[in-house]
Amino acid sequence: MNENMKIIIDARQLIKEAALEHCRAFNELCGSSCSEAILSVLDGEVRMAVSVQKLEQFFSNDEPEPVASEYEVNKFINSESV
């Protein structure tokens, strides 16, 4: 995996985790004065997620999908050695 894809995957995970926390905060504060601000942040996170998805598609089009991930290869090697 090249460095660009690693950064994109890390960014996607960070956005997902942040959105989850903001959804929880919105559920707790629904109806309060802070709820509109949290919705605004969630809207921004949705736009970031769409941008990250476009970047991921851009960088993954030229690269063939790996047959197996590093984890799967290591798991197979470890299972054969037992």
N, C-alpha and C. Protein backbone atom coordinates (compact mmCIF):
# COMPACT_ATOMS: atom_id res chain seq x y z
N MET A 1 0.86 -1.16 0.00
CA MET A 1 0.00 0.00 0.00
C MET A 1 0.91 1.24 0.00
N ASN A 2 0.60 2.16 -0.88
CA ASN A 2 1.45 3.34 -0.91
C ASN A 2 1.08 4.30 0.21
N GLU A 3 1.93 5.28 0.40
CA GLU A 3 1.76 6.23 1.51
C GLU A 3 0.47 7.04 1.40
N ASN A 4 0.07 7.40 0.18
CA ASN A 4 -1.16 8.18 0.01
C ASN A 4 -2.38 7.39 0.49
N MET A 5 -2.45 6.12 0.14
CA MET A 5 -3.59 5.32 0.56
C MET A 5 -3.60 5.12 2.07
N LYS A 6 -2.44 4.98 2.67
CA LYS A 6 -2.37 4.84 4.13
C LYS A 6 -2.92 6.09 4.81
N ILE A 7 -2.55 7.25 4.31
CA ILE A 7 -3.05 8.51 4.87
C ILE A 7 -4.55 8.61 4.68
N ILE A 8 -5.04 8.24 3.52
CA ILE A 8 -6.47 8.31 3.24
C ILE A 8 -7.25 7.36 4.14
N ILE A 9 -6.76 6.16 4.33
CA ILE A 9 -7.44 5.19 5.20
C ILE A 9 -7.44 5.66 6.65
N ASP A 10 -6.32 6.22 7.09
CA ASP A 10 -6.26 6.77 8.45
C ASP A 10 -7.24 7.92 8.61
N ALA A 11 -7.33 8.79 7.60
CA ALA A 11 -8.26 9.92 7.66
C ALA A 11 -9.70 9.44 7.71
N ARG A 12 -10.01 8.43 6.93
CA ARG A 12 -11.36 7.88 6.93
C ARG A 12 -11.73 7.35 8.31
N GLN A 13 -10.79 6.65 8.95
CA GLN A 13 -11.05 6.11 10.29
C GLN A 13 -11.23 7.23 11.31
N LEU A 14 -10.42 8.27 11.22
CA LEU A 14 -10.56 9.40 12.15
C LEU A 14 -11.90 10.10 11.98
N ILE A 15 -12.32 10.30 10.75
CA ILE A 15 -13.61 10.94 10.49
C ILE A 15 -14.74 10.08 11.04
N LYS A 16 -14.64 8.78 10.84
CA LYS A 16 -15.68 7.86 11.33
C LYS A 16 -15.78 7.92 12.86
N GLU A 17 -14.63 7.89 13.53
CA GLU A 17 -14.63 7.93 15.00
C GLU A 17 -15.16 9.27 15.51
N ALA A 18 -14.75 10.36 14.88
CA ALA A 18 -15.21 11.69 15.31
C ALA A 18 -16.71 11.82 15.11
N ALA A 19 -17.21 11.35 13.97
CA ALA A 19 -18.65 11.43 13.70
C ALA A 19 -19.44 10.62 14.71
N LEU A 20 -18.92 9.47 15.09
CA LEU A 20 -19.60 8.64 16.09
C LEU A 20 -19.70 9.38 17.42
N GLU A 21 -18.60 10.00 17.84
CA GLU A 21 -18.62 10.77 19.09
C GLU A 21 -19.57 11.97 19.00
N HIS A 22 -19.60 12.64 17.87
CA HIS A 22 -20.50 13.79 17.73
C HIS A 22 -21.96 13.35 17.68
N CYS A 23 -22.23 12.18 17.12
CA CYS A 23 -23.61 11.65 17.13
C CYS A 23 -24.06 11.35 18.56
N ARG A 24 -23.14 10.78 19.33
CA ARG A 24 -23.47 10.51 20.74
C ARG A 24 -23.73 11.81 21.49
N ALA A 25 -22.89 12.81 21.24
CA ALA A 25 -23.06 14.11 21.90
C ALA A 25 -24.38 14.74 21.49
N PHE A 26 -24.73 14.64 20.22
CA PHE A 26 -26.00 15.21 19.76
C PHE A 26 -27.17 14.51 20.43
N ASN A 27 -27.10 13.18 20.56
CA ASN A 27 -28.19 12.46 21.21
C ASN A 27 -28.36 12.88 22.66
N GLU A 28 -27.25 13.16 23.34
CA GLU A 28 -27.33 13.59 24.73
C GLU A 28 -27.83 15.03 24.86
N LEU A 29 -27.47 15.88 23.91
CA LEU A 29 -27.79 17.31 24.02
C LEU A 29 -28.91 17.74 23.09
N CYS A 30 -29.63 16.80 22.52
CA CYS A 30 -30.70 17.12 21.58
C CYS A 30 -31.70 18.09 22.23
N GLY A 31 -31.98 19.15 21.53
CA GLY A 31 -32.91 20.15 22.04
C GLY A 31 -32.24 21.28 22.78
N SER A 32 -30.98 21.15 23.12
CA SER A 32 -30.28 22.23 23.82
C SER A 32 -29.72 23.22 22.81
N SER A 33 -29.12 24.26 23.31
CA SER A 33 -28.57 25.29 22.42
C SER A 33 -27.34 24.79 21.66
N CYS A 34 -26.71 23.74 22.12
CA CYS A 34 -25.52 23.19 21.46
C CYS A 34 -25.85 22.27 20.29
N SER A 35 -27.08 21.81 20.20
CA SER A 35 -27.41 20.79 19.20
C SER A 35 -27.21 21.28 17.77
N GLU A 36 -27.51 22.54 17.50
CA GLU A 36 -27.32 23.07 16.15
C GLU A 36 -25.84 23.12 15.78
N ALA A 37 -24.99 23.45 16.73
CA ALA A 37 -23.55 23.49 16.47
C ALA A 37 -23.03 22.08 16.17
N ILE A 38 -23.53 21.10 16.91
CA ILE A 38 -23.10 19.72 16.68
C ILE A 38 -23.57 19.24 15.31
N LEU A 39 -24.79 19.61 14.91
CA LEU A 39 -25.27 19.24 13.58
C LEU A 39 -24.41 19.87 12.49
N SER A 40 -23.96 21.08 12.72
CA SER A 40 -23.08 21.75 11.76
C SER A 40 -21.75 21.01 11.63
N VAL A 41 -21.22 20.56 12.74
CA VAL A 41 -19.97 19.80 12.72
C VAL A 41 -20.19 18.47 12.00
N LEU A 42 -21.29 17.80 12.27
CA LEU A 42 -21.60 16.54 11.59
C LEU A 42 -21.74 16.74 10.08
N ASP A 43 -22.34 17.84 9.68
CA ASP A 43 -22.46 18.16 8.26
C ASP A 43 -21.08 18.30 7.62
N GLY A 44 -20.17 18.97 8.31
CA GLY A 44 -18.81 19.10 7.81
C GLY A 44 -18.10 17.76 7.72
N GLU A 45 -18.35 16.89 8.68
CA GLU A 45 -17.74 15.57 8.66
C GLU A 45 -18.26 14.73 7.50
N VAL A 46 -19.53 14.89 7.16
CA VAL A 46 -20.08 14.18 6.01
C VAL A 46 -19.38 14.66 4.74
N ARG A 47 -19.19 15.97 4.61
CA ARG A 47 -18.49 16.50 3.43
C ARG A 47 -17.05 16.02 3.38
N MET A 48 -16.38 15.94 4.54
CA MET A 48 -15.02 15.41 4.56
C MET A 48 -15.00 13.94 4.15
N ALA A 49 -15.96 13.18 4.60
CA ALA A 49 -16.02 11.75 4.25
C ALA A 49 -16.20 11.57 2.74
N VAL A 50 -17.02 12.41 2.12
CA VAL A 50 -17.22 12.34 0.68
C VAL A 50 -15.92 12.68 -0.05
N SER A 51 -15.21 13.69 0.43
CA SER A 51 -13.93 14.06 -0.18
C SER A 51 -12.89 12.95 -0.03
N VAL A 52 -12.85 12.33 1.13
CA VAL A 52 -11.91 11.23 1.35
C VAL A 52 -12.26 10.06 0.44
N GLN A 53 -13.54 9.80 0.24
CA GLN A 53 -13.95 8.72 -0.65
C GLN A 53 -13.50 9.00 -2.08
N LYS A 54 -13.63 10.24 -2.53
CA LYS A 54 -13.18 10.60 -3.88
C LYS A 54 -11.67 10.43 -4.00
N LEU A 55 -10.93 10.84 -2.97
CA LEU A 55 -9.48 10.65 -2.99
C LEU A 55 -9.11 9.18 -3.05
N GLU A 56 -9.82 8.38 -2.27
CA GLU A 56 -9.54 6.95 -2.25
C GLU A 56 -9.78 6.33 -3.62
N GLN A 57 -10.86 6.73 -4.28
CA GLN A 57 -11.14 6.22 -5.62
C GLN A 57 -10.06 6.67 -6.60
N PHE A 58 -9.61 7.91 -6.48
CA PHE A 58 -8.59 8.44 -7.37
C PHE A 58 -7.28 7.66 -7.25
N PHE A 59 -6.85 7.39 -6.03
CA PHE A 59 -5.59 6.71 -5.83
C PHE A 59 -5.69 5.20 -6.00
N SER A 60 -6.87 4.63 -5.87
CA SER A 60 -6.98 3.18 -5.99
C SER A 60 -7.25 2.72 -7.42
N ASN A 61 -7.63 3.61 -8.32
CA ASN A 61 -7.91 3.19 -9.70
C ASN A 61 -6.67 2.66 -10.40
N ASP A 62 -5.51 3.22 -10.14
CA ASP A 62 -4.29 2.81 -10.82
C ASP A 62 -3.62 1.62 -10.18
N GLU A 63 -4.01 1.28 -8.99
CA GLU A 63 -3.35 0.21 -8.26
C GLU A 63 -4.23 -1.04 -8.23
N PRO A 64 -3.66 -2.19 -8.56
CA PRO A 64 -4.46 -3.41 -8.46
C PRO A 64 -4.70 -3.76 -6.99
N GLU A 65 -5.83 -4.37 -6.75
CA GLU A 65 -6.15 -4.81 -5.40
C GLU A 65 -5.21 -5.94 -5.00
N PRO A 66 -4.69 -5.92 -3.78
CA PRO A 66 -3.82 -7.02 -3.36
C PRO A 66 -4.63 -8.31 -3.23
N VAL A 67 -3.99 -9.41 -3.52
CA VAL A 67 -4.67 -10.70 -3.43
C VAL A 67 -5.01 -11.00 -1.98
N ALA A 68 -4.10 -10.67 -1.07
CA ALA A 68 -4.33 -10.88 0.35
C ALA A 68 -3.66 -9.75 1.12
N SER A 69 -4.26 -9.39 2.22
CA SER A 69 -3.67 -8.34 3.06
C SER A 69 -2.49 -8.91 3.84
N GLU A 70 -1.70 -8.02 4.39
CA GLU A 70 -0.54 -8.45 5.18
C GLU A 70 -0.99 -9.32 6.35
N TYR A 71 -2.11 -8.95 6.97
CA TYR A 71 -2.64 -9.72 8.10
C TYR A 71 -2.98 -11.15 7.66
N GLU A 72 -3.64 -11.30 6.52
CA GLU A 72 -4.01 -12.62 6.04
C GLU A 72 -2.78 -13.47 5.71
N VAL A 73 -1.76 -12.83 5.12
CA VAL A 73 -0.53 -13.55 4.81
C VAL A 73 0.14 -14.04 6.09
N ASN A 74 0.26 -13.16 7.09
CA ASN A 74 0.88 -13.55 8.35
C ASN A 74 0.08 -14.64 9.06
N LYS A 75 -1.24 -14.54 9.01
CA LYS A 75 -2.09 -15.55 9.63
C LYS A 75 -1.86 -16.91 8.96
N PHE A 76 -1.76 -16.91 7.63
CA PHE A 76 -1.52 -18.16 6.91
C PHE A 76 -0.15 -18.75 7.26
N ILE A 77 0.87 -17.89 7.31
CA ILE A 77 2.21 -18.35 7.63
C ILE A 77 2.24 -18.95 9.03
N ASN A 78 1.60 -18.28 9.98
CA ASN A 78 1.57 -18.78 11.37
C ASN A 78 0.78 -20.07 11.48
N SER A 79 -0.27 -20.22 10.71
CA SER A 79 -1.06 -21.45 10.79
C SER A 79 -0.32 -22.63 10.17
N GLU A 80 0.52 -22.36 9.19
CA GLU A 80 1.32 -23.43 8.56
C GLU A 80 2.46 -23.89 9.44
N SER A 81 2.97 -22.99 10.28
CA SER A 81 4.12 -23.34 11.12
C SER A 81 3.72 -24.11 12.37
N VAL A 82 2.43 -24.15 12.69
CA VAL A 82 1.97 -24.84 13.90
C VAL A 82 1.81 -26.28 13.68
